[in-house]
């Protein structure tokens, strides 16, 4: 009985930890262009996360990111139109700003409740 209770407690703890995440809206634009994008970014308790964006030109972009410090992180965009590029961001936990490149063009974005 003790092993069953221990296993049950471990499973509940693992599920709760895995489900601890925060999803925030993302808005941004490609500099020197009329192209904009919107989407969501989801951060997890382990310091990683992912995002999904749709551009005003119809491209879908996804990416993964990781916090490299308590407030700063970086990642890579990959779009279904072939564009890719790195990005960095600064976060307060519930909002932040970022910048990067997408297909060689500079992008800026905000996320969270502004």
PDB file of N, CA and C in Angstrom:
ATOM      1  N   UNK A   1       0.819  -1.198   0.000  1.00  0.00           N
ATOM      2  CA  UNK A   1       0.000   0.000   0.000  1.00  0.00           C
ATOM      3  C   UNK A   1       0.860   1.259   0.000  1.00  0.00           C
ATOM      4  N   UNK A   2       1.967   1.256   0.720  1.00  0.00           N
ATOM      5  CA  UNK A   2       2.858   2.405   0.773  1.00  0.00           C
ATOM      6  C   UNK A   2       3.435   2.742  -0.592  1.00  0.00           C
ATOM      7  N   UNK A   3       3.806   1.723  -1.375  1.00  0.00           N
ATOM      8  CA  UNK A   3       4.362   1.953  -2.704  1.00  0.00           C
ATOM      9  C   UNK A   3       3.313   2.549  -3.634  1.00  0.00           C
ATOM     10  N   UNK A   4       2.081   2.082  -3.528  1.00  0.00           N
ATOM     11  CA  UNK A   4       1.003   2.599  -4.368  1.00  0.00           C
ATOM     12  C   UNK A   4       0.750   4.074  -4.052  1.00  0.00           C
ATOM     13  N   UNK A   5       0.750   4.431  -2.782  1.00  0.00           N
ATOM     14  CA  UNK A   5       0.540   5.824  -2.388  1.00  0.00           C
ATOM     15  C   UNK A   5       1.702   6.686  -2.869  1.00  0.00           C
ATOM     16  N   UNK A   6       2.915   6.207  -2.736  1.00  0.00           N
ATOM     17  CA  UNK A   6       4.089   6.937  -3.193  1.00  0.00           C
ATOM     18  C   UNK A   6       4.044   7.144  -4.708  1.00  0.00           C
ATOM     19  N   UNK A   7       3.704   6.101  -5.453  1.00  0.00           N
ATOM     20  CA  UNK A   7       3.600   6.208  -6.905  1.00  0.00           C
ATOM     21  C   UNK A   7       2.501   7.184  -7.288  1.00  0.00           C
ATOM     22  N   UNK A   8       1.365   7.120  -6.622  1.00  0.00           N
ATOM     23  CA  UNK A   8       0.253   8.016  -6.897  1.00  0.00           C
ATOM     24  C   UNK A   8       0.652   9.466  -6.631  1.00  0.00           C
ATOM     25  N   UNK A   9       1.342   9.708  -5.533  1.00  0.00           N
ATOM     26  CA  UNK A   9       1.790  11.057  -5.196  1.00  0.00           C
ATOM     27  C   UNK A   9       2.778  11.558  -6.235  1.00  0.00           C
ATOM     28  N   UNK A  10       3.704  10.691  -6.661  1.00  0.00           N
ATOM     29  CA  UNK A  10       4.677  11.074  -7.667  1.00  0.00           C
ATOM     30  C   UNK A  10       3.986  11.426  -8.986  1.00  0.00           C
ATOM     31  N   UNK A  11       2.992  10.617  -9.399  1.00  0.00           N
ATOM     32  CA  UNK A  11       2.278  10.876 -10.650  1.00  0.00           C
ATOM     33  C   UNK A  11       1.524  12.196 -10.592  1.00  0.00           C
ATOM     34  N   UNK A  12       0.848  12.464  -9.488  1.00  0.00           N
ATOM     35  CA  UNK A  12       0.106  13.723  -9.344  1.00  0.00           C
ATOM     36  C   UNK A  12       1.075  14.897  -9.398  1.00  0.00           C
ATOM     37  N   UNK A  13       2.197  14.796  -8.691  1.00  0.00           N
ATOM     38  CA  UNK A  13       3.196  15.865  -8.709  1.00  0.00           C
ATOM     39  C   UNK A  13       3.768  16.094 -10.092  1.00  0.00           C
ATOM     40  N   UNK A  14       4.039  15.029 -10.818  1.00  0.00           N
ATOM     41  CA  UNK A  14       4.583  15.140 -12.169  1.00  0.00           C
ATOM     42  C   UNK A  14       3.580  15.798 -13.104  1.00  0.00           C
ATOM     43  N   UNK A  15       2.328  15.421 -13.024  1.00  0.00           N
ATOM     44  CA  UNK A  15       1.286  16.009 -13.864  1.00  0.00           C
ATOM     45  C   UNK A  15       1.114  17.482 -13.546  1.00  0.00           C
ATOM     46  N   UNK A  16       1.101  17.838 -12.268  1.00  0.00           N
ATOM     47  CA  UNK A  16       0.945  19.243 -11.892  1.00  0.00           C
ATOM     48  C   UNK A  16       2.119  20.074 -12.375  1.00  0.00           C
ATOM     49  N   UNK A  17       3.340  19.575 -12.218  1.00  0.00           N
ATOM     50  CA  UNK A  17       4.505  20.312 -12.672  1.00  0.00           C
ATOM     51  C   UNK A  17       4.500  20.466 -14.184  1.00  0.00           C
ATOM     52  N   UNK A  18       4.167  19.419 -14.890  1.00  0.00           N
ATOM     53  CA  UNK A  18       4.149  19.469 -16.349  1.00  0.00           C
ATOM     54  C   UNK A  18       3.073  20.413 -16.863  1.00  0.00           C
ATOM     55  N   UNK A  19       1.992  20.563 -16.106  1.00  0.00           N
ATOM     56  CA  UNK A  19       0.899  21.401 -16.572  1.00  0.00           C
ATOM     57  C   UNK A  19       1.066  22.861 -16.174  1.00  0.00           C
ATOM     58  N   UNK A  20       2.098  23.202 -15.429  1.00  0.00           N
ATOM     59  CA  UNK A  20       2.328  24.579 -15.026  1.00  0.00           C
ATOM     60  C   UNK A  20       2.922  25.348 -16.196  1.00  0.00           C
ATOM     61  N   UNK A  21       2.097  26.142 -16.815  1.00  0.00           N
ATOM     62  CA  UNK A  21       2.545  26.922 -17.962  1.00  0.00           C
ATOM     63  C   UNK A  21       1.759  28.221 -18.012  1.00  0.00           C
ATOM     64  N   UNK A  22       2.245  29.145 -18.812  1.00  0.00           N
ATOM     65  CA  UNK A  22       1.562  30.412 -19.016  1.00  0.00           C
ATOM     66  C   UNK A  22       1.597  30.723 -20.498  1.00  0.00           C
ATOM     67  N   UNK A  23       0.431  30.979 -21.076  1.00  0.00           N
ATOM     68  CA  UNK A  23       0.329  31.344 -22.486  1.00  0.00           C
ATOM     69  C   UNK A  23      -0.054  32.812 -22.584  1.00  0.00           C
ATOM     70  N   UNK A  24       0.710  33.561 -23.376  1.00  0.00           N
ATOM     71  CA  UNK A  24       0.507  35.001 -23.524  1.00  0.00           C
ATOM     72  C   UNK A  24       0.403  35.372 -24.999  1.00  0.00           C
ATOM     73  N   UNK A  25      -0.348  36.441 -25.305  1.00  0.00           N
ATOM     74  CA  UNK A  25      -0.432  36.897 -26.694  1.00  0.00           C
ATOM     75  C   UNK A  25       0.875  37.555 -27.144  1.00  0.00           C
ATOM     76  N   UNK A  26       1.178  37.427 -28.435  1.00  0.00           N
ATOM     77  CA  UNK A  26       2.366  38.039 -29.040  1.00  0.00           C
ATOM     78  C   UNK A  26       1.913  38.901 -30.207  1.00  0.00           C
ATOM     79  N   UNK A  27       2.498  40.098 -30.321  1.00  0.00           N
ATOM     80  CA  UNK A  27       2.242  41.004 -31.450  1.00  0.00           C
ATOM     81  C   UNK A  27       3.570  41.590 -31.898  1.00  0.00           C
ATOM     82  N   UNK A  28       3.740  41.735 -33.202  1.00  0.00           N
ATOM     83  CA  UNK A  28       4.975  42.334 -33.669  1.00  0.00           C
ATOM     84  C   UNK A  28       4.929  42.717 -35.127  1.00  0.00           C
ATOM     85  N   UNK A  29       6.060  43.207 -35.614  1.00  0.00           N
ATOM     86  CA  UNK A  29       6.143  43.559 -37.021  1.00  0.00           C
ATOM     87  C   UNK A  29       7.565  43.389 -37.532  1.00  0.00           C
ATOM     88  N   UNK A  30       7.627  43.221 -38.849  1.00  0.00           N
ATOM     89  CA  UNK A  30       8.897  43.153 -39.556  1.00  0.00           C
ATOM     90  C   UNK A  30       9.259  44.596 -39.896  1.00  0.00           C
ATOM     91  N   UNK A  31      10.432  45.033 -39.471  1.00  0.00           N
ATOM     92  CA  UNK A  31      10.846  46.425 -39.688  1.00  0.00           C
ATOM     93  C   UNK A  31      10.998  46.709 -41.178  1.00  0.00           C
ATOM     94  N   UNK A  32      10.782  47.963 -41.549  1.00  0.00           N
ATOM     95  CA  UNK A  32      10.883  48.423 -42.939  1.00  0.00           C
ATOM     96  C   UNK A  32       9.960  47.646 -43.857  1.00  0.00           C
ATOM     97  N   UNK A  33       8.798  47.254 -43.317  1.00  0.00           N
ATOM     98  CA  UNK A  33       7.832  46.457 -44.055  1.00  0.00           C
ATOM     99  C   UNK A  33       6.457  46.703 -43.442  1.00  0.00           C
ATOM    100  N   UNK A  34       5.417  46.384 -44.161  1.00  0.00           N
ATOM    101  CA  UNK A  34       4.066  46.474 -43.605  1.00  0.00           C
ATOM    102  C   UNK A  34       3.638  45.153 -42.974  1.00  0.00           C
ATOM    103  N   UNK A  35       4.510  44.151 -43.014  1.00  0.00           N
ATOM    104  CA  UNK A  35       4.164  42.834 -42.481  1.00  0.00           C
ATOM    105  C   UNK A  35       4.120  42.851 -40.950  1.00  0.00           C
ATOM    106  N   UNK A  36       3.025  42.336 -40.409  1.00  0.00           N
ATOM    107  CA  UNK A  36       2.848  42.214 -38.970  1.00  0.00           C
ATOM    108  C   UNK A  36       2.611  40.748 -38.627  1.00  0.00           C
ATOM    109  N   UNK A  37       2.625  40.432 -37.345  1.00  0.00           N
ATOM    110  CA  UNK A  37       2.300  39.081 -36.921  1.00  0.00           C
ATOM    111  C   UNK A  37       1.655  39.085 -35.547  1.00  0.00           C
ATOM    112  N   UNK A  38       0.836  38.065 -35.312  1.00  0.00           N
ATOM    113  CA  UNK A  38       0.192  37.850 -34.023  1.00  0.00           C
ATOM    114  C   UNK A  38       0.263  36.365 -33.701  1.00  0.00           C
ATOM    115  N   UNK A  39       0.097  36.057 -32.441  1.00  0.00           N
ATOM    116  CA  UNK A  39       0.117  34.656 -32.044  1.00  0.00           C
ATOM    117  C   UNK A  39       0.199  34.514 -30.546  1.00  0.00           C
ATOM    118  N   UNK A  40       0.746  33.394 -30.109  1.00  0.00           N
ATOM    119  CA  UNK A  40       0.874  33.118 -28.684  1.00  0.00           C
ATOM    120  C   UNK A  40       2.239  32.520 -28.377  1.00  0.00           C
ATOM    121  N   UNK A  41       2.665  32.751 -27.152  1.00  0.00           N
ATOM    122  CA  UNK A  41       3.884  32.140 -26.628  1.00  0.00           C
ATOM    123  C   UNK A  41       3.514  31.455 -25.319  1.00  0.00           C
ATOM    124  N   UNK A  42       3.979  30.231 -25.146  1.00  0.00           N
ATOM    125  CA  UNK A  42       3.721  29.474 -23.928  1.00  0.00           C
ATOM    126  C   UNK A  42       5.041  29.161 -23.250  1.00  0.00           C
ATOM    127  N   UNK A  43       5.165  29.602 -22.009  1.00  0.00           N
ATOM    128  CA  UNK A  43       6.358  29.319 -21.215  1.00  0.00           C
ATOM    129  C   UNK A  43       6.046  28.259 -20.176  1.00  0.00           C
ATOM    130  N   UNK A  44       7.013  27.407 -19.894  1.00  0.00           N
ATOM    131  CA  UNK A  44       6.844  26.312 -18.943  1.00  0.00           C
ATOM    132  C   UNK A  44       7.752  26.497 -17.732  1.00  0.00           C
ATOM    133  N   UNK A  45       7.428  25.816 -16.664  1.00  0.00           N
ATOM    134  CA  UNK A  45       8.171  25.921 -15.419  1.00  0.00           C
ATOM    135  C   UNK A  45       9.632  25.508 -15.555  1.00  0.00           C
ATOM    136  N   UNK A  46       9.963  24.709 -16.544  1.00  0.00           N
ATOM    137  CA  UNK A  46      11.349  24.258 -16.702  1.00  0.00           C
ATOM    138  C   UNK A  46      12.233  25.295 -17.393  1.00  0.00           C
ATOM    139  N   UNK A  47      11.664  26.473 -17.744  1.00  0.00           N
ATOM    140  CA  UNK A  47      12.443  27.542 -18.360  1.00  0.00           C
ATOM    141  C   UNK A  47      12.426  27.537 -19.872  1.00  0.00           C
ATOM    142  N   UNK A  48      11.711  26.612 -20.472  1.00  0.00           N
ATOM    143  CA  UNK A  48      11.590  26.560 -21.922  1.00  0.00           C
ATOM    144  C   UNK A  48      10.214  27.009 -22.368  1.00  0.00           C
ATOM    145  N   UNK A  49      10.014  27.048 -23.665  1.00  0.00           N
ATOM    146  CA  UNK A  49       8.707  27.414 -24.175  1.00  0.00           C
ATOM    147  C   UNK A  49       8.648  27.304 -25.679  1.00  0.00           C
ATOM    148  N   UNK A  50       7.468  27.628 -26.218  1.00  0.00           N
ATOM    149  CA  UNK A  50       7.278  27.600 -27.664  1.00  0.00           C
ATOM    150  C   UNK A  50       6.314  28.694 -28.061  1.00  0.00           C
ATOM    151  N   UNK A  51       6.337  29.017 -29.328  1.00  0.00           N
ATOM    152  CA  UNK A  51       5.426  30.043 -29.829  1.00  0.00           C
ATOM    153  C   UNK A  51       4.920  29.662 -31.200  1.00  0.00           C
ATOM    154  N   UNK A  52       3.772  30.224 -31.517  1.00  0.00           N
ATOM    155  CA  UNK A  52       3.163  30.062 -32.840  1.00  0.00           C
ATOM    156  C   UNK A  52       2.668  31.434 -33.274  1.00  0.00           C
ATOM    157  N   UNK A  53       3.069  31.846 -34.472  1.00  0.00           N
ATOM    158  CA  UNK A  53       2.706  33.153 -35.003  1.00  0.00           C
ATOM    159  C   UNK A  53       2.140  32.996 -36.408  1.00  0.00           C
ATOM    160  N   UNK A  54       1.271  33.913 -36.801  1.00  0.00           N
ATOM    161  CA  UNK A  54       0.776  33.988 -38.169  1.00  0.00           C
ATOM    162  C   UNK A  54       1.036  35.410 -38.648  1.00  0.00           C
ATOM    163  N   UNK A  55       1.664  35.526 -39.810  1.00  0.00           N
ATOM    164  CA  UNK A  55       1.982  36.854 -40.340  1.00  0.00           C
ATOM    165  C   UNK A  55       0.827  37.385 -41.183  1.00  0.00           C
ATOM    166  N   UNK A  56       0.837  38.689 -41.392  1.00  0.00           N
ATOM    167  CA  UNK A  56      -0.192  39.308 -42.234  1.00  0.00           C
ATOM    168  C   UNK A  56      -0.058  38.861 -43.684  1.00  0.00           C
ATOM    169  N   UNK A  57       1.064  38.258 -44.052  1.00  0.00           N
ATOM    170  CA  UNK A  57       1.254  37.705 -45.397  1.00  0.00           C
ATOM    171  C   UNK A  57       0.810  36.251 -45.475  1.00  0.00           C
ATOM    172  N   UNK A  58       0.312  35.690 -44.362  1.00  0.00           N
ATOM    173  CA  UNK A  58      -0.211  34.331 -44.368  1.00  0.00           C
ATOM    174  C   UNK A  58       0.750  33.232 -43.959  1.00  0.00           C
ATOM    175  N   UNK A  59       1.981  33.575 -43.608  1.00  0.00           N
ATOM    176  CA  UNK A  59       2.947  32.551 -43.181  1.00  0.00           C
ATOM    177  C   UNK A  59       2.696  32.170 -41.723  1.00  0.00           C
ATOM    178  N   UNK A  60       2.882  30.900 -41.413  1.00  0.00           N
ATOM    179  CA  UNK A  60       2.823  30.428 -40.032  1.00  0.00           C
ATOM    180  C   UNK A  60       4.250  30.178 -39.570  1.00  0.00           C
ATOM    181  N   UNK A  61       4.578  30.741 -38.423  1.00  0.00           N
ATOM    182  CA  UNK A  61       5.922  30.603 -37.868  1.00  0.00           C
ATOM    183  C   UNK A  61       5.819  29.965 -36.486  1.00  0.00           C
ATOM    184  N   UNK A  62       6.729  29.070 -36.209  1.00  0.00           N
ATOM    185  CA  UNK A  62       6.798  28.437 -34.902  1.00  0.00           C
ATOM    186  C   UNK A  62       8.209  28.616 -34.375  1.00  0.00           C
ATOM    187  N   UNK A  63       8.366  28.407 -33.100  1.00  0.00           N
ATOM    188  CA  UNK A  63       9.689  28.524 -32.526  1.00  0.00           C
ATOM    189  C   UNK A  63       9.738  27.961 -31.129  1.00  0.00           C
ATOM    190  N   UNK A  64      10.934  27.718 -30.696  1.00  0.00           N
ATOM    191  CA  UNK A  64      11.188  27.299 -29.325  1.00  0.00           C
ATOM    192  C   UNK A  64      12.096  28.329 -28.690  1.00  0.00           C
ATOM    193  N   UNK A  65      11.952  28.498 -27.381  1.00  0.00           N
ATOM    194  CA  UNK A  65      12.824  29.431 -26.680  1.00  0.00           C
ATOM    195  C   UNK A  65      13.186  28.859 -25.322  1.00  0.00           C
ATOM    196  N   UNK A  66      14.204  29.463 -24.730  1.00  0.00           N
ATOM    197  CA  UNK A  66      14.649  29.068 -23.399  1.00  0.00           C
ATOM    198  C   UNK A  66      15.102  30.325 -22.660  1.00  0.00           C
ATOM    199  N   UNK A  67      14.791  30.375 -21.381  1.00  0.00           N
ATOM    200  CA  UNK A  67      15.299  31.458 -20.549  1.00  0.00           C
ATOM    201  C   UNK A  67      16.766  31.173 -20.250  1.00  0.00           C
ATOM    202  N   UNK A  68      17.624  32.175 -20.489  1.00  0.00           N
ATOM    203  CA  UNK A  68      19.045  32.026 -20.184  1.00  0.00           C
ATOM    204  C   UNK A  68      19.393  32.701 -18.856  1.00  0.00           C
ATOM    205  N   UNK A  69      18.475  33.470 -18.329  1.00  0.00           N
ATOM    206  CA  UNK A  69      18.560  34.038 -16.988  1.00  0.00           C
ATOM    207  C   UNK A  69      17.116  34.184 -16.506  1.00  0.00           C
ATOM    208  N   UNK A  70      16.948  34.734 -15.354  1.00  0.00           N
ATOM    209  CA  UNK A  70      15.588  34.868 -14.816  1.00  0.00           C
ATOM    210  C   UNK A  70      14.687  35.731 -15.697  1.00  0.00           C
ATOM    211  N   UNK A  71      15.261  36.722 -16.386  1.00  0.00           N
ATOM    212  CA  UNK A  71      14.465  37.652 -17.183  1.00  0.00           C
ATOM    213  C   UNK A  71      14.726  37.590 -18.676  1.00  0.00           C
ATOM    214  N   UNK A  72      15.823  37.012 -19.114  1.00  0.00           N
ATOM    215  CA  UNK A  72      16.221  37.046 -20.516  1.00  0.00           C
ATOM    216  C   UNK A  72      16.161  35.665 -21.153  1.00  0.00           C
ATOM    217  N   UNK A  73      15.800  35.657 -22.434  1.00  0.00           N
ATOM    218  CA  UNK A  73      15.757  34.386 -23.144  1.00  0.00           C
ATOM    219  C   UNK A  73      16.075  34.555 -24.609  1.00  0.00           C
ATOM    220  N   UNK A  74      16.214  33.419 -25.282  1.00  0.00           N
ATOM    221  CA  UNK A  74      16.432  33.453 -26.722  1.00  0.00           C
ATOM    222  C   UNK A  74      15.839  32.216 -27.372  1.00  0.00           C
ATOM    223  N   UNK A  75      15.681  32.307 -28.676  1.00  0.00           N
ATOM    224  CA  UNK A  75      15.084  31.205 -29.422  1.00  0.00           C
ATOM    225  C   UNK A  75      15.282  31.381 -30.905  1.00  0.00           C
ATOM    226  N   UNK A  76      14.563  30.563 -31.676  1.00  0.00           N
ATOM    227  CA  UNK A  76      14.665  30.589 -33.137  1.00  0.00           C
ATOM    228  C   UNK A  76      13.269  30.464 -33.742  1.00  0.00           C
ATOM    229  N   UNK A  77      12.965  31.353 -34.706  1.00  0.00           N
ATOM    230  CA  UNK A  77      11.744  31.274 -35.501  1.00  0.00           C
ATOM    231  C   UNK A  77      11.987  30.357 -36.695  1.00  0.00           C
ATOM    232  N   UNK A  78      10.977  29.601 -37.109  1.00  0.00           N
ATOM    233  CA  UNK A  78      10.988  28.860 -38.368  1.00  0.00           C
ATOM    234  C   UNK A  78       9.602  29.007 -38.991  1.00  0.00           C
ATOM    235  N   UNK A  79       9.551  29.518 -40.212  1.00  0.00           N
ATOM    236  CA  UNK A  79       8.267  29.767 -40.875  1.00  0.00           C
ATOM    237  C   UNK A  79       8.055  28.804 -42.036  1.00  0.00           C
ATOM    238  N   UNK A  80       6.782  28.566 -42.345  1.00  0.00           N
ATOM    239  CA  UNK A  80       6.466  27.635 -43.428  1.00  0.00           C
ATOM    240  C   UNK A  80       6.744  28.207 -44.818  1.00  0.00           C
ATOM    241  N   UNK A  81       7.140  29.492 -44.891  1.00  0.00           N
ATOM    242  CA  UNK A  81       7.535  30.065 -46.182  1.00  0.00           C
ATOM    243  C   UNK A  81       9.053  30.031 -46.378  1.00  0.00           C
ATOM    244  N   UNK A  82       9.766  29.342 -45.466  1.00  0.00           N
ATOM    245  CA  UNK A  82      11.207  29.172 -45.597  1.00  0.00           C
ATOM    246  C   UNK A  82      12.052  30.128 -44.775  1.00  0.00           C
ATOM    247  N   UNK A  83      11.460  31.158 -44.224  1.00  0.00           N
ATOM    248  CA  UNK A  83      12.245  32.098 -43.424  1.00  0.00           C
ATOM    249  C   UNK A  83      12.541  31.529 -42.041  1.00  0.00           C
ATOM    250  N   UNK A  84      13.704  31.825 -41.526  1.00  0.00           N
ATOM    251  CA  UNK A  84      14.094  31.453 -40.167  1.00  0.00           C
ATOM    252  C   UNK A  84      14.893  32.600 -39.574  1.00  0.00           C
ATOM    253  N   UNK A  85      15.103  32.539 -38.272  1.00  0.00           N
ATOM    254  CA  UNK A  85      15.956  33.536 -37.649  1.00  0.00           C
ATOM    255  C   UNK A  85      15.910  33.464 -36.140  1.00  0.00           C
ATOM    256  N   UNK A  86      16.954  33.978 -35.506  1.00  0.00           N
ATOM    257  CA  UNK A  86      17.038  33.980 -34.050  1.00  0.00           C
ATOM    258  C   UNK A  86      16.291  35.168 -33.446  1.00  0.00           C
ATOM    259  N   UNK A  87      15.941  35.051 -32.179  1.00  0.00           N
ATOM    260  CA  UNK A  87      15.347  36.169 -31.459  1.00  0.00           C
ATOM    261  C   UNK A  87      15.783  36.135 -29.996  1.00  0.00           C
ATOM    262  N   UNK A  88      15.701  37.293 -29.349  1.00  0.00           N
ATOM    263  CA  UNK A  88      15.962  37.420 -27.923  1.00  0.00           C
ATOM    264  C   UNK A  88      14.799  38.178 -27.307  1.00  0.00           C
ATOM    265  N   UNK A  89      14.625  38.037 -25.998  1.00  0.00           N
ATOM    266  CA  UNK A  89      13.552  38.763 -25.329  1.00  0.00           C
ATOM    267  C   UNK A  89      13.917  39.040 -23.879  1.00  0.00           C
ATOM    268  N   UNK A  90      13.209  40.020 -23.312  1.00  0.00           N
ATOM    269  CA  UNK A  90      13.296  40.360 -21.898  1.00  0.00           C
ATOM    270  C   UNK A  90      11.888  40.280 -21.358  1.00  0.00           C
ATOM    271  N   UNK A  91      11.711  39.606 -20.216  1.00  0.00           N
ATOM    272  CA  UNK A  91      10.385  39.348 -19.671  1.00  0.00           C
ATOM    273  C   UNK A  91      10.295  39.750 -18.202  1.00  0.00           C
ATOM    274  N   UNK A  92       9.115  40.256 -17.820  1.00  0.00           N
ATOM    275  CA  UNK A  92       8.827  40.490 -16.404  1.00  0.00           C
ATOM    276  C   UNK A  92       8.134  39.275 -15.795  1.00  0.00           C
ATOM    277  N   UNK A  93       7.797  38.315 -16.627  1.00  0.00           N
ATOM    278  CA  UNK A  93       7.041  37.147 -16.205  1.00  0.00           C
ATOM    279  C   UNK A  93       5.667  37.120 -16.843  1.00  0.00           C
ATOM    280  N   UNK A  94       5.026  38.298 -16.949  1.00  0.00           N
ATOM    281  CA  UNK A  94       3.703  38.371 -17.570  1.00  0.00           C
ATOM    282  C   UNK A  94       3.662  39.265 -18.800  1.00  0.00           C
ATOM    283  N   UNK A  95       4.782  39.902 -19.114  1.00  0.00           N
ATOM    284  CA  UNK A  95       4.872  40.726 -20.323  1.00  0.00           C
ATOM    285  C   UNK A  95       6.331  40.949 -20.650  1.00  0.00           C
ATOM    286  N   UNK A  96       6.583  41.412 -21.878  1.00  0.00           N
ATOM    287  CA  UNK A  96       7.955  41.665 -22.267  1.00  0.00           C
ATOM    288  C   UNK A  96       8.075  42.154 -23.686  1.00  0.00           C
ATOM    289  N   UNK A  97       9.318  42.330 -24.097  1.00  0.00           N
ATOM    290  CA  UNK A  97       9.629  42.790 -25.444  1.00  0.00           C
ATOM    291  C   UNK A  97      10.726  41.909 -26.022  1.00  0.00           C
ATOM    292  N   UNK A  98      10.795  41.901 -27.348  1.00  0.00           N
ATOM    293  CA  UNK A  98      11.827  41.109 -27.998  1.00  0.00           C
ATOM    294  C   UNK A  98      12.192  41.666 -29.345  1.00  0.00           C
ATOM    295  N   UNK A  99      13.278  41.130 -29.869  1.00  0.00           N
ATOM    296  CA  UNK A  99      13.742  41.507 -31.203  1.00  0.00           C
ATOM    297  C   UNK A  99      14.495  40.339 -31.800  1.00  0.00           C
ATOM    298  N   UNK A 100      14.629  40.382 -33.101  1.00  0.00           N
ATOM    299  CA  UNK A 100      15.360  39.311 -33.769  1.00  0.00           C
ATOM    300  C   UNK A 100      15.409  39.526 -35.258  1.00  0.00           C
ATOM    301  N   UNK A 101      15.615  38.433 -35.962  1.00  0.00           N
ATOM    302  CA  UNK A 101      15.651  38.455 -37.415  1.00  0.00           C
ATOM    303  C   UNK A 101      14.747  37.361 -37.952  1.00  0.00           C
ATOM    304  N   UNK A 102      14.149  37.651 -39.082  1.00  0.00           N
ATOM    305  CA  UNK A 102      13.321  36.672 -39.763  1.00  0.00           C
ATOM    306  C   UNK A 102      13.609  36.799 -41.252  1.00  0.00           C
ATOM    307  N   UNK A 103      14.274  35.812 -41.794  1.00  0.00           N
ATOM    308  CA  UNK A 103      14.658  35.877 -43.206  1.00  0.00           C
ATOM    309  C   UNK A 103      15.580  37.036 -43.505  1.00  0.00           C
ATOM    310  N   UNK A 104      16.429  37.405 -42.544  1.00  0.00           N
ATOM    311  CA  UNK A 104      17.369  38.508 -42.743  1.00  0.00           C
ATOM    312  C   UNK A 104      16.803  39.882 -42.451  1.00  0.00           C
ATOM    313  N   UNK A 105      15.525  39.972 -42.123  1.00  0.00           N
ATOM    314  CA  UNK A 105      14.889  41.252 -41.795  1.00  0.00           C
ATOM    315  C   UNK A 105      14.718  41.358 -40.279  1.00  0.00           C
ATOM    316  N   UNK A 106      14.909  42.559 -39.734  1.00  0.00           N
ATOM    317  CA  UNK A 106      14.769  42.769 -38.299  1.00  0.00           C
ATOM    318  C   UNK A 106      13.288  42.731 -37.906  1.00  0.00           C
ATOM    319  N   UNK A 107      12.977  42.067 -36.794  1.00  0.00           N
ATOM    320  CA  UNK A 107      11.628  42.039 -36.248  1.00  0.00           C
ATOM    321  C   UNK A 107      11.665  42.524 -34.809  1.00  0.00           C
ATOM    322  N   UNK A 108      10.560  43.145 -34.394  1.00  0.00           N
ATOM    323  CA  UNK A 108      10.379  43.518 -32.999  1.00  0.00           C
ATOM    324  C   UNK A 108       9.013  43.001 -32.567  1.00  0.00           C
ATOM    325  N   UNK A 109       8.878  42.687 -31.267  1.00  0.00           N
ATOM    326  CA  UNK A 109       7.595  42.172 -30.791  1.00  0.00           C
ATOM    327  C   UNK A 109       7.409  42.454 -29.312  1.00  0.00           C
ATOM    328  N   UNK A 110       6.156  42.385 -28.898  1.00  0.00           N
ATOM    329  CA  UNK A 110       5.787  42.474 -27.497  1.00  0.00           C
ATOM    330  C   UNK A 110       4.966  41.232 -27.180  1.00  0.00           C
ATOM    331  N   UNK A 111       4.928  40.870 -25.914  1.00  0.00           N
ATOM    332  CA  UNK A 111       4.092  39.756 -25.508  1.00  0.00           C
ATOM    333  C   UNK A 111       3.510  40.031 -24.128  1.00  0.00           C
ATOM    334  N   UNK A 112       2.368  39.414 -23.868  1.00  0.00           N
ATOM    335  CA  UNK A 112       1.715  39.558 -22.579  1.00  0.00           C
ATOM    336  C   UNK A 112       0.740  40.702 -22.537  1.00  0.00           C
ATOM    337  N   UNK A 113       0.362  41.044 -21.324  1.00  0.00           N
ATOM    338  CA  UNK A 113      -0.586  42.121 -21.083  1.00  0.00           C
ATOM    339  C   UNK A 113       0.178  43.425 -21.012  1.00  0.00           C
ATOM    340  N   UNK A 114       0.032  44.244 -22.034  1.00  0.00           N
ATOM    341  CA  UNK A 114       0.796  45.491 -22.137  1.00  0.00           C
ATOM    342  C   UNK A 114       0.133  46.649 -21.481  1.00  0.00           C
TER     343      UNK A 114
END
